[in-house]
């Protein structure tokens, strides 16, 4: 029975790690793109103060 849990765990790792890396790199690219796009004198985002 242990091999069933080992296969499930291995499949989870084999699917989870690439999905996490794609998500993380895409988020990093989006953050860099938004930082480039935003101008420094933009005053429209002062809602957080």
Protein backbone atom coordinates (compact mmCIF):
# COMPACT_ATOMS: atom_id res chain seq x y z
CA UNK A 1 0.00 0.00 0.00
CA UNK A 2 2.93 2.33 0.62
CA UNK A 3 3.78 2.37 -3.08
CA UNK A 4 0.34 3.86 -3.83
CA UNK A 5 1.09 6.80 -1.55
CA UNK A 6 4.60 7.04 -3.00
CA UNK A 7 3.19 7.23 -6.53
CA UNK A 8 0.66 9.90 -5.49
CA UNK A 9 3.41 11.91 -3.79
CA UNK A 10 5.75 11.58 -6.76
CA UNK A 11 3.01 12.63 -9.18
CA UNK A 12 2.21 15.61 -6.95
CA UNK A 13 5.83 16.70 -6.94
CA UNK A 14 6.27 16.14 -10.66
CA UNK A 15 3.20 18.26 -11.43
CA UNK A 16 3.45 20.79 -8.60
CA UNK A 17 7.04 21.95 -8.99
CA UNK A 18 6.81 22.94 -12.70
CA UNK A 19 3.44 24.61 -12.14
CA UNK A 20 4.87 26.59 -9.21
CA UNK A 21 7.92 27.64 -11.25
CA UNK A 22 5.76 28.79 -14.17
CA UNK A 23 3.49 30.74 -11.79
CA UNK A 24 6.44 32.32 -9.97
CA UNK A 25 8.33 33.35 -13.12
CA UNK A 26 5.15 34.73 -14.72
CA UNK A 27 4.41 36.77 -11.59
CA UNK A 28 7.98 38.10 -11.63
CA UNK A 29 7.69 39.13 -15.30
CA UNK A 30 4.35 40.83 -14.67
CA UNK A 31 5.75 42.76 -11.72
CA UNK A 32 8.73 43.96 -13.79
CA UNK A 33 6.42 44.96 -16.64
CA UNK A 34 4.12 46.94 -14.33
CA UNK A 35 7.10 48.66 -12.74
CA UNK A 36 8.38 49.71 -16.19
CA UNK A 37 4.95 50.86 -17.33
CA UNK A 38 4.18 52.98 -14.27
CA UNK A 39 5.42 56.55 -14.34
CA UNK A 40 7.03 58.01 -11.25
CA UNK A 41 4.81 61.12 -11.14
CA UNK A 42 1.52 59.21 -11.28
CA UNK A 43 -0.65 60.45 -8.41
CA UNK A 44 -3.70 58.29 -9.13
CA UNK A 45 -2.62 55.44 -6.83
CA UNK A 46 -2.70 57.30 -3.52
CA UNK A 47 -5.66 55.33 -2.20
CA UNK A 48 -3.45 53.38 0.20
CA UNK A 49 -2.55 56.43 2.29
